[in-house]
Amino acid sequence: MIRRVGRPGLVGLAARTAVVAGTANAMENRQMNRRAAAAEQQQAAAAYQQQQMDQAAQAAVAAQAAAAPTPAPVAAAQAAPAVDVTAQLLKLADLHNAGALSDEEFAAAKAKLLG
């Protein structure tokens, strides 16, 4: 049998092409797997960081709620409407002039309004 020196035969060329293609596909698969693993690791780290931030926020809200003083009852101050002293004095004067109030009652009511 005579062997040809130089270029490989058709079978040898096909075998070499298959090896090169297989190697390229294997390397591409490895790179994709590495990228996927890195992405998963990054997502896990982000989820852990988010969990830590949520816990810190909840702790801060709880600490703020514990430190905040309870609001003082202001219902009495808000319930009392602003008194127009001049109008009240005029009403008392009208009642005093009409005879409904004595001098002592008028003086006591006036002192209560002004005092």
PDB file of N, CA and C in Angstrom:
ATOM      1  N   MET A   1       0.821  -1.142   0.000  1.00  0.00           N
ATOM      2  CA  MET A   1       0.000   0.000   0.000  1.00  0.00           C
ATOM      3  C   MET A   1       0.887   1.234   0.000  1.00  0.00           C
ATOM      4  N   ILE A   2       0.483   2.138  -0.781  1.00  0.00           N
ATOM      5  CA  ILE A   2       1.262   3.360  -0.924  1.00  0.00           C
ATOM      6  C   ILE A   2       0.588   4.437  -0.075  1.00  0.00           C
ATOM      7  N   ARG A   3       1.393   5.015   0.739  1.00  0.00           N
ATOM      8  CA  ARG A   3       0.868   6.102   1.587  1.00  0.00           C
ATOM      9  C   ARG A   3       1.188   7.426   0.945  1.00  0.00           C
ATOM     10  N   ARG A   4       0.241   8.260   0.976  1.00  0.00           N
ATOM     11  CA  ARG A   4       0.453   9.578   0.441  1.00  0.00           C
ATOM     12  C   ARG A   4       1.005  10.467   1.528  1.00  0.00           C
ATOM     13  N   VAL A   5       1.981  11.243   1.249  1.00  0.00           N
ATOM     14  CA  VAL A   5       2.563  12.156   2.221  1.00  0.00           C
ATOM     15  C   VAL A   5       2.057  13.551   1.874  1.00  0.00           C
ATOM     16  N   GLY A   6       1.734  14.304   2.882  1.00  0.00           N
ATOM     17  CA  GLY A   6       1.246  15.661   2.629  1.00  0.00           C
ATOM     18  C   GLY A   6      -0.122  15.840   3.245  1.00  0.00           C
ATOM     19  N   ARG A   7      -1.089  16.049   2.459  1.00  0.00           N
ATOM     20  CA  ARG A   7      -2.441  16.305   2.964  1.00  0.00           C
ATOM     21  C   ARG A   7      -3.105  15.017   3.439  1.00  0.00           C
ATOM     22  N   PRO A   8      -3.928  15.122   4.507  1.00  0.00           N
ATOM     23  CA  PRO A   8      -4.611  13.926   4.985  1.00  0.00           C
ATOM     24  C   PRO A   8      -5.754  13.557   4.053  1.00  0.00           C
ATOM     25  N   GLY A   9      -6.176  12.347   4.193  1.00  0.00           N
ATOM     26  CA  GLY A   9      -7.279  11.871   3.377  1.00  0.00           C
ATOM     27  C   GLY A   9      -8.610  12.406   3.870  1.00  0.00           C
ATOM     28  N   LEU A  10      -9.641  12.028   3.219  1.00  0.00           N
ATOM     29  CA  LEU A  10     -10.982  12.509   3.535  1.00  0.00           C
ATOM     30  C   LEU A  10     -11.417  12.074   4.933  1.00  0.00           C
ATOM     31  N   VAL A  11     -11.118  10.867   5.315  1.00  0.00           N
ATOM     32  CA  VAL A  11     -11.489  10.367   6.641  1.00  0.00           C
ATOM     33  C   VAL A  11     -10.705  11.106   7.726  1.00  0.00           C
ATOM     34  N   GLY A  12      -9.433  11.322   7.491  1.00  0.00           N
ATOM     35  CA  GLY A  12      -8.605  12.038   8.467  1.00  0.00           C
ATOM     36  C   GLY A  12      -9.059  13.470   8.635  1.00  0.00           C
ATOM     37  N   LEU A  13      -9.426  14.113   7.530  1.00  0.00           N
ATOM     38  CA  LEU A  13      -9.913  15.491   7.587  1.00  0.00           C
ATOM     39  C   LEU A  13     -11.234  15.559   8.352  1.00  0.00           C
ATOM     40  N   ALA A  14     -12.114  14.632   8.137  1.00  0.00           N
ATOM     41  CA  ALA A  14     -13.396  14.601   8.840  1.00  0.00           C
ATOM     42  C   ALA A  14     -13.179  14.352  10.334  1.00  0.00           C
ATOM     43  N   ALA A  15     -12.247  13.471  10.673  1.00  0.00           N
ATOM     44  CA  ALA A  15     -11.958  13.176  12.082  1.00  0.00           C
ATOM     45  C   ALA A  15     -11.396  14.411  12.779  1.00  0.00           C
ATOM     46  N   ARG A  16     -10.470  15.089  12.130  1.00  0.00           N
ATOM     47  CA  ARG A  16      -9.876  16.290  12.721  1.00  0.00           C
ATOM     48  C   ARG A  16     -10.946  17.363  12.920  1.00  0.00           C
ATOM     49  N   THR A  17     -11.824  17.547  11.955  1.00  0.00           N
ATOM     50  CA  THR A  17     -12.891  18.538  12.067  1.00  0.00           C
ATOM     51  C   THR A  17     -13.816  18.198  13.232  1.00  0.00           C
ATOM     52  N   ALA A  18     -14.132  16.941  13.401  1.00  0.00           N
ATOM     53  CA  ALA A  18     -15.008  16.518  14.499  1.00  0.00           C
ATOM     54  C   ALA A  18     -14.366  16.779  15.852  1.00  0.00           C
ATOM     55  N   VAL A  19     -13.073  16.525  15.963  1.00  0.00           N
ATOM     56  CA  VAL A  19     -12.365  16.761  17.224  1.00  0.00           C
ATOM     57  C   VAL A  19     -12.353  18.242  17.553  1.00  0.00           C
ATOM     58  N   VAL A  20     -12.036  19.078  16.567  1.00  0.00           N
ATOM     59  CA  VAL A  20     -11.986  20.523  16.801  1.00  0.00           C
ATOM     60  C   VAL A  20     -13.363  21.043  17.174  1.00  0.00           C
ATOM     61  N   ALA A  21     -14.390  20.601  16.462  1.00  0.00           N
ATOM     62  CA  ALA A  21     -15.749  21.059  16.757  1.00  0.00           C
ATOM     63  C   ALA A  21     -16.190  20.588  18.134  1.00  0.00           C
ATOM     64  N   GLY A  22     -15.877  19.367  18.479  1.00  0.00           N
ATOM     65  CA  GLY A  22     -16.249  18.843  19.796  1.00  0.00           C
ATOM     66  C   GLY A  22     -15.554  19.592  20.918  1.00  0.00           C
ATOM     67  N   THR A  23     -14.299  19.912  20.697  1.00  0.00           N
ATOM     68  CA  THR A  23     -13.560  20.662  21.710  1.00  0.00           C
ATOM     69  C   THR A  23     -14.144  22.055  21.870  1.00  0.00           C
ATOM     70  N   ALA A  24     -14.478  22.704  20.771  1.00  0.00           N
ATOM     71  CA  ALA A  24     -15.058  24.045  20.836  1.00  0.00           C
ATOM     72  C   ALA A  24     -16.400  24.013  21.554  1.00  0.00           C
ATOM     73  N   ASN A  25     -17.225  23.024  21.261  1.00  0.00           N
ATOM     74  CA  ASN A  25     -18.527  22.916  21.931  1.00  0.00           C
ATOM     75  C   ASN A  25     -18.367  22.653  23.421  1.00  0.00           C
ATOM     76  N   ALA A  26     -17.423  21.814  23.784  1.00  0.00           N
ATOM     77  CA  ALA A  26     -17.198  21.512  25.196  1.00  0.00           C
ATOM     78  C   ALA A  26     -16.734  22.760  25.939  1.00  0.00           C
ATOM     79  N   MET A  27     -15.843  23.531  25.325  1.00  0.00           N
ATOM     80  CA  MET A  27     -15.362  24.754  25.973  1.00  0.00           C
ATOM     81  C   MET A  27     -16.484  25.765  26.109  1.00  0.00           C
ATOM     82  N   GLU A  28     -17.320  25.866  25.093  1.00  0.00           N
ATOM     83  CA  GLU A  28     -18.452  26.796  25.153  1.00  0.00           C
ATOM     84  C   GLU A  28     -19.425  26.377  26.253  1.00  0.00           C
ATOM     85  N   ASN A  29     -19.662  25.086  26.377  1.00  0.00           N
ATOM     86  CA  ASN A  29     -20.550  24.587  27.431  1.00  0.00           C
ATOM     87  C   ASN A  29     -19.984  24.885  28.814  1.00  0.00           C
ATOM     88  N   ARG A  30     -18.668  24.686  28.980  1.00  0.00           N
ATOM     89  CA  ARG A  30     -18.039  24.987  30.270  1.00  0.00           C
ATOM     90  C   ARG A  30     -18.165  26.464  30.609  1.00  0.00           C
ATOM     91  N   GLN A  31     -17.941  27.327  29.612  1.00  0.00           N
ATOM     92  CA  GLN A  31     -18.049  28.765  29.863  1.00  0.00           C
ATOM     93  C   GLN A  31     -19.482  29.145  30.230  1.00  0.00           C
ATOM     94  N   MET A  32     -20.451  28.560  29.551  1.00  0.00           N
ATOM     95  CA  MET A  32     -21.856  28.844  29.878  1.00  0.00           C
ATOM     96  C   MET A  32     -22.186  28.368  31.288  1.00  0.00           C
ATOM     97  N   ASN A  33     -21.678  27.203  31.667  1.00  0.00           N
ATOM     98  CA  ASN A  33     -21.919  26.696  33.020  1.00  0.00           C
ATOM     99  C   ASN A  33     -21.288  27.603  34.065  1.00  0.00           C
ATOM    100  N   ARG A  34     -20.087  28.082  33.788  1.00  0.00           N
ATOM    101  CA  ARG A  34     -19.416  28.994  34.733  1.00  0.00           C
ATOM    102  C   ARG A  34     -20.188  30.299  34.859  1.00  0.00           C
ATOM    103  N   ARG A  35     -20.659  30.824  33.732  1.00  0.00           N
ATOM    104  CA  ARG A  35     -21.433  32.076  33.782  1.00  0.00           C
ATOM    105  C   ARG A  35     -22.739  31.874  34.550  1.00  0.00           C
ATOM    106  N   ALA A  36     -23.387  30.748  34.332  1.00  0.00           N
ATOM    107  CA  ALA A  36     -24.634  30.457  35.038  1.00  0.00           C
ATOM    108  C   ALA A  36     -24.386  30.323  36.539  1.00  0.00           C
ATOM    109  N   ALA A  37     -23.302  29.657  36.897  1.00  0.00           N
ATOM    110  CA  ALA A  37     -22.974  29.503  38.323  1.00  0.00           C
ATOM    111  C   ALA A  37     -22.660  30.855  38.946  1.00  0.00           C
ATOM    112  N   ALA A  38     -21.937  31.700  38.212  1.00  0.00           N
ATOM    113  CA  ALA A  38     -21.616  33.029  38.730  1.00  0.00           C
ATOM    114  C   ALA A  38     -22.883  33.863  38.898  1.00  0.00           C
ATOM    115  N   ALA A  39     -23.804  33.751  37.941  1.00  0.00           N
ATOM    116  CA  ALA A  39     -25.061  34.496  38.037  1.00  0.00           C
ATOM    117  C   ALA A  39     -25.883  34.018  39.235  1.00  0.00           C
ATOM    118  N   GLU A  40     -25.937  32.706  39.446  1.00  0.00           N
ATOM    119  CA  GLU A  40     -26.674  32.169  40.594  1.00  0.00           C
ATOM    120  C   GLU A  40     -26.059  32.637  41.905  1.00  0.00           C
ATOM    121  N   GLN A  41     -24.731  32.636  41.952  1.00  0.00           N
ATOM    122  CA  GLN A  41     -24.049  33.086  43.163  1.00  0.00           C
ATOM    123  C   GLN A  41     -24.323  34.570  43.407  1.00  0.00           C
ATOM    124  N   GLN A  42     -24.332  35.348  42.348  1.00  0.00           N
ATOM    125  CA  GLN A  42     -24.601  36.778  42.478  1.00  0.00           C
ATOM    126  C   GLN A  42     -26.044  37.005  42.949  1.00  0.00           C
ATOM    127  N   GLN A  43     -26.986  36.232  42.424  1.00  0.00           N
ATOM    128  CA  GLN A  43     -28.373  36.357  42.857  1.00  0.00           C
ATOM    129  C   GLN A  43     -28.534  35.962  44.319  1.00  0.00           C
ATOM    130  N   ALA A  44     -27.838  34.926  44.723  1.00  0.00           N
ATOM    131  CA  ALA A  44     -27.907  34.501  46.122  1.00  0.00           C
ATOM    132  C   ALA A  44     -27.339  35.577  47.040  1.00  0.00           C
ATOM    133  N   ALA A  45     -26.234  36.196  46.619  1.00  0.00           N
ATOM    134  CA  ALA A  45     -25.634  37.263  47.423  1.00  0.00           C
ATOM    135  C   ALA A  45     -26.577  38.458  47.503  1.00  0.00           C
ATOM    136  N   ALA A  46     -27.228  38.794  46.391  1.00  0.00           N
ATOM    137  CA  ALA A  46     -28.166  39.914  46.392  1.00  0.00           C
ATOM    138  C   ALA A  46     -29.367  39.617  47.290  1.00  0.00           C
ATOM    139  N   ALA A  47     -29.865  38.389  47.249  1.00  0.00           N
ATOM    140  CA  ALA A  47     -30.995  38.005  48.098  1.00  0.00           C
ATOM    141  C   ALA A  47     -30.603  38.071  49.575  1.00  0.00           C
ATOM    142  N   TYR A  48     -29.413  37.612  49.902  1.00  0.00           N
ATOM    143  CA  TYR A  48     -28.933  37.670  51.285  1.00  0.00           C
ATOM    144  C   TYR A  48     -28.804  39.121  51.743  1.00  0.00           C
ATOM    145  N   GLN A  49     -28.259  39.963  50.878  1.00  0.00           N
ATOM    146  CA  GLN A  49     -28.096  41.381  51.214  1.00  0.00           C
ATOM    147  C   GLN A  49     -29.465  42.033  51.410  1.00  0.00           C
ATOM    148  N   GLN A  50     -30.431  41.709  50.560  1.00  0.00           N
ATOM    149  CA  GLN A  50     -31.779  42.263  50.697  1.00  0.00           C
ATOM    150  C   GLN A  50     -32.409  41.813  52.006  1.00  0.00           C
ATOM    151  N   GLN A  51     -32.193  40.551  52.363  1.00  0.00           N
ATOM    152  CA  GLN A  51     -32.723  40.033  53.622  1.00  0.00           C
ATOM    153  C   GLN A  51     -32.114  40.779  54.806  1.00  0.00           C
ATOM    154  N   GLN A  52     -30.820  41.023  54.756  1.00  0.00           N
ATOM    155  CA  GLN A  52     -30.156  41.754  55.828  1.00  0.00           C
ATOM    156  C   GLN A  52     -30.700  43.185  55.935  1.00  0.00           C
ATOM    157  N   MET A  53     -30.918  43.821  54.794  1.00  0.00           N
ATOM    158  CA  MET A  53     -31.455  45.186  54.798  1.00  0.00           C
ATOM    159  C   MET A  53     -32.874  45.217  55.344  1.00  0.00           C
ATOM    160  N   ASP A  54     -33.686  44.213  54.993  1.00  0.00           N
ATOM    161  CA  ASP A  54     -35.047  44.139  55.510  1.00  0.00           C
ATOM    162  C   ASP A  54     -35.052  43.962  57.025  1.00  0.00           C
ATOM    163  N   GLN A  55     -34.172  43.107  57.518  1.00  0.00           N
ATOM    164  CA  GLN A  55     -34.091  42.891  58.968  1.00  0.00           C
ATOM    165  C   GLN A  55     -33.625  44.147  59.679  1.00  0.00           C
ATOM    166  N   ALA A  56     -32.668  44.849  59.095  1.00  0.00           N
ATOM    167  CA  ALA A  56     -32.177  46.088  59.703  1.00  0.00           C
ATOM    168  C   ALA A  56     -33.274  47.149  59.714  1.00  0.00           C
ATOM    169  N   ALA A  57     -34.047  47.217  58.643  1.00  0.00           N
ATOM    170  CA  ALA A  57     -35.136  48.188  58.585  1.00  0.00           C
ATOM    171  C   ALA A  57     -36.205  47.867  59.621  1.00  0.00           C
ATOM    172  N   GLN A  58     -36.530  46.579  59.770  1.00  0.00           N
ATOM    173  CA  GLN A  58     -37.516  46.188  60.769  1.00  0.00           C
ATOM    174  C   GLN A  58     -37.017  46.499  62.176  1.00  0.00           C
ATOM    175  N   ALA A  59     -35.750  46.271  62.417  1.00  0.00           N
ATOM    176  CA  ALA A  59     -35.180  46.577  63.734  1.00  0.00           C
ATOM    177  C   ALA A  59     -35.206  48.077  63.986  1.00  0.00           C
ATOM    178  N   ALA A  60     -34.910  48.873  62.961  1.00  0.00           N
ATOM    179  CA  ALA A  60     -34.924  50.329  63.126  1.00  0.00           C
ATOM    180  C   ALA A  60     -36.334  50.831  63.398  1.00  0.00           C
ATOM    181  N   VAL A  61     -37.307  50.273  62.718  1.00  0.00           N
ATOM    182  CA  VAL A  61     -38.699  50.678  62.946  1.00  0.00           C
ATOM    183  C   VAL A  61     -39.127  50.291  64.357  1.00  0.00           C
ATOM    184  N   ALA A  62     -38.736  49.102  64.790  1.00  0.00           N
ATOM    185  CA  ALA A  62     -39.095  48.661  66.142  1.00  0.00           C
ATOM    186  C   ALA A  62     -38.423  49.538  67.197  1.00  0.00           C
ATOM    187  N   ALA A  63     -37.158  49.887  66.967  1.00  0.00           N
ATOM    188  CA  ALA A  63     -36.446  50.745  67.924  1.00  0.00           C
ATOM    189  C   ALA A  63     -37.063  52.136  67.957  1.00  0.00           C
ATOM    190  N   GLN A  64     -37.445  52.636  66.805  1.00  0.00           N
ATOM    191  CA  GLN A  64     -38.050  53.966  66.754  1.00  0.00           C
ATOM    192  C   GLN A  64     -39.412  53.954  67.435  1.00  0.00           C
ATOM    193  N   ALA A  65     -40.165  52.890  67.232  1.00  0.00           N
ATOM    194  CA  ALA A  65     -41.475  52.793  67.870  1.00  0.00           C
ATOM    195  C   ALA A  65     -41.328  52.686  69.387  1.00  0.00           C
ATOM    196  N   ALA A  66     -40.301  51.982  69.839  1.00  0.00           N
ATOM    197  CA  ALA A  66     -40.085  51.841  71.279  1.00  0.00           C
ATOM    198  C   ALA A  66     -39.590  53.144  71.894  1.00  0.00           C
ATOM    199  N   ALA A  67     -38.798  53.910  71.134  1.00  0.00           N
ATOM    200  CA  ALA A  67     -38.229  55.147  71.669  1.00  0.00           C
ATOM    201  C   ALA A  67     -39.189  56.318  71.576  1.00  0.00           C
ATOM    202  N   ALA A  68     -40.153  56.257  70.681  1.00  0.00           N
ATOM    203  CA  ALA A  68     -41.071  57.380  70.486  1.00  0.00           C
ATOM    204  C   ALA A  68     -42.011  57.474  71.684  1.00  0.00           C
ATOM    205  N   PRO A  69     -42.146  58.673  72.246  1.00  0.00           N
ATOM    206  CA  PRO A  69     -43.075  58.823  73.367  1.00  0.00           C
ATOM    207  C   PRO A  69     -44.508  58.745  72.859  1.00  0.00           C
ATOM    208  N   THR A  70     -45.362  58.259  73.752  1.00  0.00           N
ATOM    209  CA  THR A  70     -46.767  58.195  73.373  1.00  0.00           C
ATOM    210  C   THR A  70     -47.313  59.616  73.335  1.00  0.00           C
ATOM    211  N   PRO A  71     -48.161  59.917  72.375  1.00  0.00           N
ATOM    212  CA  PRO A  71     -48.667  61.283  72.272  1.00  0.00           C
ATOM    213  C   PRO A  71     -49.537  61.637  73.476  1.00  0.00           C
ATOM    214  N   ALA A  72     -49.329  62.846  73.986  1.00  0.00           N
ATOM    215  CA  ALA A  72     -50.092  63.313  75.142  1.00  0.00           C
ATOM    216  C   ALA A  72     -51.524  63.598  74.702  1.00  0.00           C
ATOM    217  N   PRO A  73     -52.466  63.404  75.584  1.00  0.00           N
ATOM    218  CA  PRO A  73     -53.851  63.676  75.197  1.00  0.00           C
ATOM    219  C   PRO A  73     -54.047  65.168  74.955  1.00  0.00           C
ATOM    220  N   VAL A  74     -54.422  65.489  73.764  1.00  0.00           N
ATOM    221  CA  VAL A  74     -54.635  66.873  73.377  1.00  0.00           C
ATOM    222  C   VAL A  74     -56.107  67.109  73.056  1.00  0.00           C
ATOM    223  N   ALA A  75     -56.935  66.143  73.386  1.00  0.00           N
ATOM    224  CA  ALA A  75     -58.350  66.262  73.067  1.00  0.00           C
ATOM    225  C   ALA A  75     -58.983  67.429  73.814  1.00  0.00           C
ATOM    226  N   ALA A  76     -58.571  67.663  75.059  1.00  0.00           N
ATOM    227  CA  ALA A  76     -59.151  68.753  75.832  1.00  0.00           C
ATOM    228  C   ALA A  76     -58.797  70.101  75.225  1.00  0.00           C
ATOM    229  N   ALA A  77     -57.558  70.245  74.793  1.00  0.00           N
ATOM    230  CA  ALA A  77     -57.141  71.512  74.202  1.00  0.00           C
ATOM    231  C   ALA A  77     -57.808  71.726  72.855  1.00  0.00           C
ATOM    232  N   GLN A  78     -58.023  70.654  72.099  1.00  0.00           N
ATOM    233  CA  GLN A  78     -58.648  70.794  70.799  1.00  0.00           C
ATOM    234  C   GLN A  78     -60.163  70.938  70.923  1.00  0.00           C
ATOM    235  N   ALA A  79     -60.749  70.381  71.960  1.00  0.00           N
ATOM    236  CA  ALA A  79     -62.194  70.424  72.111  1.00  0.00           C
ATOM    237  C   ALA A  79     -62.680  71.820  72.485  1.00  0.00           C
ATOM    238  N   ALA A  80     -61.880  72.556  73.240  1.00  0.00           N
ATOM    239  CA  ALA A  80     -62.294  73.889  73.657  1.00  0.00           C
ATOM    240  C   ALA A  80     -62.129  74.854  72.491  1.00  0.00           C
ATOM    241  N   PRO A  81     -63.234  75.393  71.973  1.00  0.00           N
ATOM    242  CA  PRO A  81     -63.118  76.333  70.865  1.00  0.00           C
ATOM    243  C   PRO A  81     -62.553  77.659  71.358  1.00  0.00           C
ATOM    244  N   ALA A  82     -61.996  78.373  70.449  1.00  0.00           N
ATOM    245  CA  ALA A  82     -61.444  79.681  70.803  1.00  0.00           C
ATOM    246  C   ALA A  82     -62.603  80.589  71.239  1.00  0.00           C
ATOM    247  N   VAL A  83     -62.450  81.224  72.399  1.00  0.00           N
ATOM    248  CA  VAL A  83     -63.503  82.048  72.976  1.00  0.00           C
ATOM    249  C   VAL A  83     -63.280  83.491  72.534  1.00  0.00           C
ATOM    250  N   ASP A  84     -64.328  84.080  71.986  1.00  0.00           N
ATOM    251  CA  ASP A  84     -64.273  85.502  71.638  1.00  0.00           C
ATOM    252  C   ASP A  84     -64.655  86.277  72.900  1.00  0.00           C
ATOM    253  N   VAL A  85     -63.650  86.813  73.571  1.00  0.00           N
ATOM    254  CA  VAL A  85     -63.853  87.448  74.876  1.00  0.00           C
ATOM    255  C   VAL A  85     -64.750  88.676  74.740  1.00  0.00           C
ATOM    256  N   THR A  86     -64.555  89.435  73.687  1.00  0.00           N
ATOM    257  CA  THR A  86     -65.355  90.658  73.510  1.00  0.00           C
ATOM    258  C   THR A  86     -66.832  90.320  73.354  1.00  0.00           C
ATOM    259  N   ALA A  87     -67.124  89.292  72.551  1.00  0.00           N
ATOM    260  CA  ALA A  87     -68.524  88.918  72.352  1.00  0.00           C
ATOM    261  C   ALA A  87     -69.133  88.411  73.653  1.00  0.00           C
ATOM    262  N   GLN A  88     -68.367  87.636  74.411  1.00  0.00           N
ATOM    263  CA  GLN A  88     -68.872  87.121  75.685  1.00  0.00           C
ATOM    264  C   GLN A  88     -69.132  88.260  76.679  1.00  0.00           C
ATOM    265  N   LEU A  89     -68.227  89.241  76.707  1.00  0.00           N
ATOM    266  CA  LEU A  89     -68.434  90.387  77.611  1.00  0.00           C
ATOM    267  C   LEU A  89     -69.668  91.182  77.213  1.00  0.00           C
ATOM    268  N   LEU A  90     -69.897  91.329  75.915  1.00  0.00           N
ATOM    269  CA  LEU A  90     -71.088  92.050  75.461  1.00  0.00           C
ATOM    270  C   LEU A  90     -72.359  91.303  75.858  1.00  0.00           C
ATOM    271  N   LYS A  91     -72.341  89.969  75.754  1.00  0.00           N
ATOM    272  CA  LYS A  91     -73.502  89.177  76.168  1.00  0.00           C
ATOM    273  C   LYS A  91     -73.759  89.324  77.669  1.00  0.00           C
ATOM    274  N   LEU A  92     -72.664  89.298  78.437  1.00  0.00           N
ATOM    275  CA  LEU A  92     -72.824  89.463  79.898  1.00  0.00           C
ATOM    276  C   LEU A  92     -73.359  90.852  80.229  1.00  0.00           C
ATOM    277  N   ALA A  93     -72.870  91.838  79.515  1.00  0.00           N
ATOM    278  CA  ALA A  93     -73.344  93.208  79.759  1.00  0.00           C
ATOM    279  C   ALA A  93     -74.822  93.327  79.414  1.00  0.00           C
ATOM    280  N   ASP A  94     -75.243  92.696  78.313  1.00  0.00           N
ATOM    281  CA  ASP A  94     -76.661  92.727  77.946  1.00  0.00           C
ATOM    282  C   ASP A  94     -77.515  92.045  79.009  1.00  0.00           C
ATOM    283  N   LEU A  95     -77.051  90.886  79.501  1.00  0.00           N
ATOM    284  CA  LEU A  95     -77.784  90.184  80.559  1.00  0.00           C
ATOM    285  C   LEU A  95     -77.827  91.014  81.841  1.00  0.00           C
ATOM    286  N   HIS A  96     -76.749  91.703  82.162  1.00  0.00           N
ATOM    287  CA  HIS A  96     -76.689  92.539  83.372  1.00  0.00           C
ATOM    288  C   HIS A  96     -77.630  93.729  83.222  1.00  0.00           C
ATOM    289  N   ASN A  97     -77.641  94.351  82.036  1.00  0.00           N
ATOM    290  CA  ASN A  97     -78.527  95.498  81.801  1.00  0.00           C
ATOM    291  C   ASN A  97     -79.998  95.075  81.796  1.00  0.00           C
ATOM    292  N   ALA A  98     -80.255  93.850  81.337  1.00  0.00           N
ATOM    293  CA  ALA A  98     -81.629  93.374  81.307  1.00  0.00           C
ATOM    294  C   ALA A  98     -82.094  92.956  82.700  1.00  0.00           C
ATOM    295  N   GLY A  99     -81.182  92.821  83.627  1.00  0.00           N
ATOM    296  CA  GLY A  99     -81.546  92.467  84.989  1.00  0.00           C
ATOM    297  C   GLY A  99     -81.467  90.980  85.261  1.00  0.00           C
ATOM    298  N   ALA A 100     -80.967  90.223  84.314  1.00  0.00           N
ATOM    299  CA  ALA A 100     -80.877  88.782  84.512  1.00  0.00           C
ATOM    300  C   ALA A 100     -79.703  88.420  85.407  1.00  0.00           C
ATOM    301  N   LEU A 101     -78.707  89.308  85.470  1.00  0.00           N
ATOM    302  CA  LEU A 101     -77.529  89.062  86.314  1.00  0.00           C
ATOM    303  C   LEU A 101     -77.416  90.183  87.332  1.00  0.00           C
ATOM    304  N   SER A 102     -77.084  89.804  88.567  1.00  0.00           N
ATOM    305  CA  SER A 102     -76.828  90.816  89.585  1.00  0.00           C
ATOM    306  C   SER A 102     -75.422  91.354  89.401  1.00  0.00           C
ATOM    307  N   ASP A 103     -75.110  92.396  90.180  1.00  0.00           N
ATOM    308  CA  ASP A 103     -73.777  92.995  90.068  1.00  0.00           C
ATOM    309  C   ASP A 103     -72.689  91.989  90.431  1.00  0.00           C
ATOM    310  N   GLU A 104     -72.932  91.176  91.475  1.00  0.00           N
ATOM    311  CA  GLU A 104     -71.940  90.199  91.902  1.00  0.00           C
ATOM    312  C   GLU A 104     -71.762  89.090  90.842  1.00  0.00           C
ATOM    313  N   GLU A 105     -72.868  88.615  90.268  1.00  0.00           N
ATOM    314  CA  GLU A 105     -72.789  87.580  89.230  1.00  0.00           C
ATOM    315  C   GLU A 105     -72.073  88.108  87.991  1.00  0.00           C
ATOM    316  N   PHE A 106     -72.402  89.369  87.639  1.00  0.00           N
ATOM    317  CA  PHE A 106     -71.724  89.968  86.472  1.00  0.00           C
ATOM    318  C   PHE A 106     -70.223  90.088  86.720  1.00  0.00           C
ATOM    319  N   ALA A 107     -69.836  90.535  87.908  1.00  0.00           N
ATOM    320  CA  ALA A 107     -68.399  90.707  88.230  1.00  0.00           C
ATOM    321  C   ALA A 107     -67.694  89.347  88.245  1.00  0.00           C
ATOM    322  N   ALA A 108     -68.340  88.315  88.782  1.00  0.00           N
ATOM    323  CA  ALA A 108     -67.737  86.989  88.839  1.00  0.00           C
ATOM    324  C   ALA A 108     -67.571  86.409  87.432  1.00  0.00           C
ATOM    325  N   ALA A 109     -68.588  86.568  86.586  1.00  0.00           N
ATOM    326  CA  ALA A 109     -68.499  86.058  85.217  1.00  0.00           C
ATOM    327  C   ALA A 109     -67.444  86.808  84.422  1.00  0.00           C
ATOM    328  N   LYS A 110     -67.373  88.128  84.626  1.00  0.00           N
ATOM    329  CA  LYS A 110     -66.362  88.933  83.927  1.00  0.00           C
ATOM    330  C   LYS A 110     -64.952  88.546  84.379  1.00  0.00           C
ATOM    331  N   ALA A 111     -64.766  88.315  85.655  1.00  0.00           N
ATOM    332  CA  ALA A 111     -63.463  87.913  86.177  1.00  0.00           C
ATOM    333  C   ALA A 111     -63.067  86.539  85.635  1.00  0.00           C
ATOM    334  N   LYS A 112     -64.053  85.646  85.518  1.00  0.00           N
ATOM    335  CA  LYS A 112     -63.786  84.322  84.988  1.00  0.00           C
ATOM    336  C   LYS A 112     -63.340  84.417  83.512  1.00  0.00           C
ATOM    337  N   LEU A 113     -64.001  85.264  82.728  1.00  0.00           N
ATOM    338  CA  LEU A 113     -63.623  85.416  81.322  1.00  0.00           C
ATOM    339  C   LEU A 113     -62.254  86.048  81.163  1.00  0.00           C
ATOM    340  N   LEU A 114     -61.967  87.061  81.935  1.00  0.00           N
ATOM    341  CA  LEU A 114     -60.704  87.788  81.802  1.00  0.00           C
ATOM    342  C   LEU A 114     -59.551  87.101  82.509  1.00  0.00           C
ATOM    343  N   GLY A 115     -59.838  86.263  83.458  1.00  0.00           N
ATOM    344  CA  GLY A 115     -58.797  85.652  84.252  1.00  0.00           C
ATOM    345  C   GLY A 115     -58.367  84.363  83.764  1.00  0.00           C
TER     346      GLY A 115
END
